[in-house]
């Protein structure tokens, strides 16, 4: 996932190791996510988003929605 690398660079991290530490994961695992050989689960995506000051949508490359989802009935 190229957007993952873009996200940690945008957050100001200059190395994969520093970005991984901020997210609480190992740098080798982060590299696998970047290459697309592994997919992070929701918990890992949340830790990355929180550690890097971004959103899960940005990490996954989801485009911003023009209209938010209506609340569940």
N, C-alpha and C. Protein backbone atom coordinates (compact mmCIF):
# COMPACT_ATOMS: atom_id res chain seq x y z
N UNK A 1 0.83 -1.18 0.00
CA UNK A 1 0.00 0.00 0.00
C UNK A 1 0.88 1.25 0.00
N UNK A 2 0.96 1.87 -1.13
CA UNK A 2 1.79 3.06 -1.23
C UNK A 2 1.30 4.17 -0.30
N UNK A 3 0.00 4.26 -0.09
CA UNK A 3 -0.54 5.33 0.73
C UNK A 3 -0.06 5.24 2.18
N UNK A 4 0.30 4.06 2.64
CA UNK A 4 0.82 3.92 4.00
C UNK A 4 2.16 4.64 4.12
N UNK A 5 3.04 4.42 3.17
CA UNK A 5 4.34 5.10 3.21
C UNK A 5 4.15 6.61 3.08
N UNK A 6 3.26 7.00 2.19
CA UNK A 6 2.98 8.43 2.03
C UNK A 6 2.49 9.03 3.34
N UNK A 7 1.66 8.29 4.06
CA UNK A 7 1.08 8.80 5.31
C UNK A 7 2.15 9.01 6.37
N UNK A 8 3.08 8.06 6.54
CA UNK A 8 4.08 8.27 7.60
C UNK A 8 5.10 9.33 7.20
N UNK A 9 5.36 9.45 5.91
CA UNK A 9 6.26 10.53 5.49
C UNK A 9 5.58 11.89 5.69
N UNK A 10 4.30 11.97 5.36
CA UNK A 10 3.54 13.20 5.55
C UNK A 10 3.49 13.59 7.04
N UNK A 11 3.50 12.59 7.91
CA UNK A 11 3.47 12.84 9.35
C UNK A 11 4.82 13.33 9.87
N UNK A 12 5.85 13.32 9.02
CA UNK A 12 7.14 13.87 9.41
C UNK A 12 8.18 12.85 9.84
N UNK A 13 7.91 11.58 9.68
CA UNK A 13 8.89 10.56 10.04
C UNK A 13 9.88 10.39 8.90
N UNK A 14 11.16 10.34 9.23
CA UNK A 14 12.17 10.22 8.18
C UNK A 14 12.65 8.79 7.97
N UNK A 15 12.26 7.87 8.85
CA UNK A 15 12.63 6.47 8.66
C UNK A 15 11.44 5.57 8.95
N UNK A 16 11.46 4.40 8.33
CA UNK A 16 10.41 3.41 8.57
C UNK A 16 10.43 2.98 10.04
N UNK A 17 11.62 2.87 10.63
CA UNK A 17 11.73 2.45 12.02
C UNK A 17 11.03 3.41 12.97
N UNK A 18 11.21 4.70 12.74
CA UNK A 18 10.56 5.70 13.60
C UNK A 18 9.04 5.67 13.42
N UNK A 19 8.61 5.54 12.18
CA UNK A 19 7.17 5.47 11.90
C UNK A 19 6.55 4.23 12.54
N UNK A 20 7.25 3.11 12.43
CA UNK A 20 6.75 1.87 13.02
C UNK A 20 6.68 1.98 14.54
N UNK A 21 7.69 2.57 15.14
CA UNK A 21 7.69 2.73 16.60
C UNK A 21 6.52 3.59 17.05
N UNK A 22 6.21 4.64 16.31
CA UNK A 22 5.09 5.51 16.67
C UNK A 22 3.76 4.77 16.58
N UNK A 23 3.71 3.77 15.69
CA UNK A 23 2.49 2.99 15.53
C UNK A 23 2.48 1.73 16.40
N UNK A 24 3.59 1.45 17.05
CA UNK A 24 3.66 0.27 17.91
C UNK A 24 3.78 -1.05 17.16
N UNK A 25 4.41 -0.99 16.00
CA UNK A 25 4.63 -2.22 15.22
C UNK A 25 6.10 -2.30 14.84
N UNK A 26 6.54 -3.48 14.38
CA UNK A 26 7.93 -3.67 13.96
C UNK A 26 8.12 -3.10 12.56
N UNK A 27 9.28 -2.55 12.29
CA UNK A 27 9.53 -1.93 10.98
C UNK A 27 9.43 -2.94 9.84
N UNK A 28 9.79 -4.20 10.08
CA UNK A 28 9.68 -5.22 9.03
C UNK A 28 8.21 -5.48 8.68
N UNK A 29 7.36 -5.43 9.70
CA UNK A 29 5.92 -5.62 9.45
C UNK A 29 5.39 -4.43 8.64
N UNK A 30 5.83 -3.24 8.98
CA UNK A 30 5.41 -2.05 8.23
C UNK A 30 5.84 -2.17 6.77
N UNK A 31 7.02 -2.66 6.52
CA UNK A 31 7.50 -2.84 5.14
C UNK A 31 6.61 -3.81 4.38
N UNK A 32 6.14 -4.86 5.04
CA UNK A 32 5.25 -5.83 4.37
C UNK A 32 3.92 -5.17 4.01
N UNK A 33 3.43 -4.30 4.87
CA UNK A 33 2.20 -3.57 4.56
C UNK A 33 2.41 -2.64 3.36
N UNK A 34 3.56 -1.98 3.33
CA UNK A 34 3.86 -1.06 2.23
C UNK A 34 3.96 -1.80 0.90
N UNK A 35 4.58 -2.97 0.92
CA UNK A 35 4.74 -3.75 -0.31
C UNK A 35 3.45 -4.44 -0.74
N UNK A 36 2.52 -4.57 0.19
CA UNK A 36 1.26 -5.23 -0.11
C UNK A 36 1.29 -6.73 0.05
N UNK A 37 2.37 -7.26 0.65
CA UNK A 37 2.45 -8.71 0.86
C UNK A 37 1.63 -9.14 2.08
N UNK A 38 1.32 -8.20 2.96
CA UNK A 38 0.45 -8.44 4.11
C UNK A 38 -0.51 -7.26 4.21
N UNK A 39 -1.68 -7.52 4.81
CA UNK A 39 -2.67 -6.46 5.00
C UNK A 39 -2.86 -6.25 6.50
N UNK A 40 -2.77 -5.00 6.94
CA UNK A 40 -2.97 -4.73 8.37
C UNK A 40 -4.44 -4.89 8.75
N UNK A 41 -4.67 -5.41 9.94
CA UNK A 41 -6.02 -5.51 10.46
C UNK A 41 -6.49 -4.16 10.99
N UNK A 42 -7.72 -4.11 11.44
CA UNK A 42 -8.31 -2.87 11.92
C UNK A 42 -7.54 -2.30 13.11
N UNK A 43 -7.13 -3.16 14.03
CA UNK A 43 -6.39 -2.68 15.21
C UNK A 43 -5.07 -2.01 14.80
N UNK A 44 -4.37 -2.62 13.87
CA UNK A 44 -3.09 -2.06 13.41
C UNK A 44 -3.34 -0.76 12.65
N UNK A 45 -4.37 -0.72 11.81
CA UNK A 45 -4.70 0.52 11.11
C UNK A 45 -5.01 1.64 12.10
N UNK A 46 -5.72 1.31 13.17
CA UNK A 46 -6.03 2.32 14.19
C UNK A 46 -4.76 2.83 14.86
N UNK A 47 -3.85 1.92 15.18
CA UNK A 47 -2.59 2.34 15.81
C UNK A 47 -1.75 3.21 14.86
N UNK A 48 -1.72 2.84 13.59
CA UNK A 48 -0.98 3.66 12.62
C UNK A 48 -1.62 5.04 12.50
N UNK A 49 -2.92 5.08 12.35
CA UNK A 49 -3.62 6.37 12.22
C UNK A 49 -3.39 7.24 13.45
N UNK A 50 -3.51 6.67 14.62
CA UNK A 50 -3.30 7.44 15.85
C UNK A 50 -1.85 7.89 15.99
N UNK A 51 -0.92 7.01 15.70
CA UNK A 51 0.50 7.33 15.85
C UNK A 51 0.99 8.35 14.84
N UNK A 52 0.33 8.42 13.69
CA UNK A 52 0.79 9.29 12.63
C UNK A 52 -0.12 10.50 12.43
N UNK A 53 -1.16 10.62 13.25
CA UNK A 53 -2.05 11.77 13.15
C UNK A 53 -2.83 11.83 11.85
N UNK A 54 -3.35 10.68 11.43
CA UNK A 54 -4.10 10.62 10.18
C UNK A 54 -5.36 9.79 10.39
N UNK A 55 -5.99 9.39 9.31
CA UNK A 55 -7.21 8.59 9.40
C UNK A 55 -7.00 7.23 8.73
N UNK A 56 -7.84 6.30 9.08
CA UNK A 56 -7.81 4.99 8.43
C UNK A 56 -8.15 5.14 6.96
N UNK A 57 -9.08 6.03 6.64
CA UNK A 57 -9.43 6.25 5.23
C UNK A 57 -8.21 6.67 4.42
N UNK A 58 -7.41 7.57 4.97
CA UNK A 58 -6.22 8.01 4.25
C UNK A 58 -5.23 6.86 4.09
N UNK A 59 -5.08 6.05 5.12
CA UNK A 59 -4.14 4.93 5.05
C UNK A 59 -4.55 3.91 4.00
N UNK A 60 -5.83 3.70 3.84
CA UNK A 60 -6.31 2.69 2.91
C UNK A 60 -6.57 3.25 1.52
N UNK A 61 -6.40 4.58 1.36
CA UNK A 61 -6.58 5.18 0.06
C UNK A 61 -8.03 5.42 -0.30
N UNK A 62 -8.91 5.36 0.67
CA UNK A 62 -10.33 5.60 0.42
C UNK A 62 -10.55 7.09 0.15
N UNK A 63 -11.24 7.40 -0.95
CA UNK A 63 -11.47 8.81 -1.25
C UNK A 63 -12.45 9.42 -0.26
N UNK A 64 -12.31 10.71 0.02
CA UNK A 64 -13.25 11.35 0.93
C UNK A 64 -14.67 11.28 0.35
N UNK A 65 -15.60 11.04 1.21
CA UNK A 65 -17.00 10.94 0.79
C UNK A 65 -17.62 12.32 0.70
N UNK A 66 -18.36 12.56 -0.35
CA UNK A 66 -19.03 13.86 -0.50
C UNK A 66 -20.17 13.99 0.50
N UNK A 67 -20.83 12.88 0.77
CA UNK A 67 -21.91 12.89 1.76
C UNK A 67 -21.62 11.82 2.78
N UNK A 68 -21.64 12.18 4.06
CA UNK A 68 -21.38 11.18 5.09
C UNK A 68 -22.49 10.13 5.13
N UNK A 69 -22.14 8.98 5.65
CA UNK A 69 -23.13 7.92 5.79
C UNK A 69 -24.20 8.35 6.78
N UNK A 70 -25.47 8.06 6.45
CA UNK A 70 -26.52 8.43 7.42
C UNK A 70 -26.41 7.57 8.67
N UNK A 71 -26.87 8.10 9.79
CA UNK A 71 -26.81 7.30 11.03
C UNK A 71 -27.68 6.06 10.91
N UNK A 72 -27.26 5.01 11.57
CA UNK A 72 -28.03 3.76 11.56
C UNK A 72 -29.34 3.96 12.29
N UNK A 73 -30.37 3.37 11.77
CA UNK A 73 -31.72 3.51 12.39
C UNK A 73 -31.87 2.60 13.57
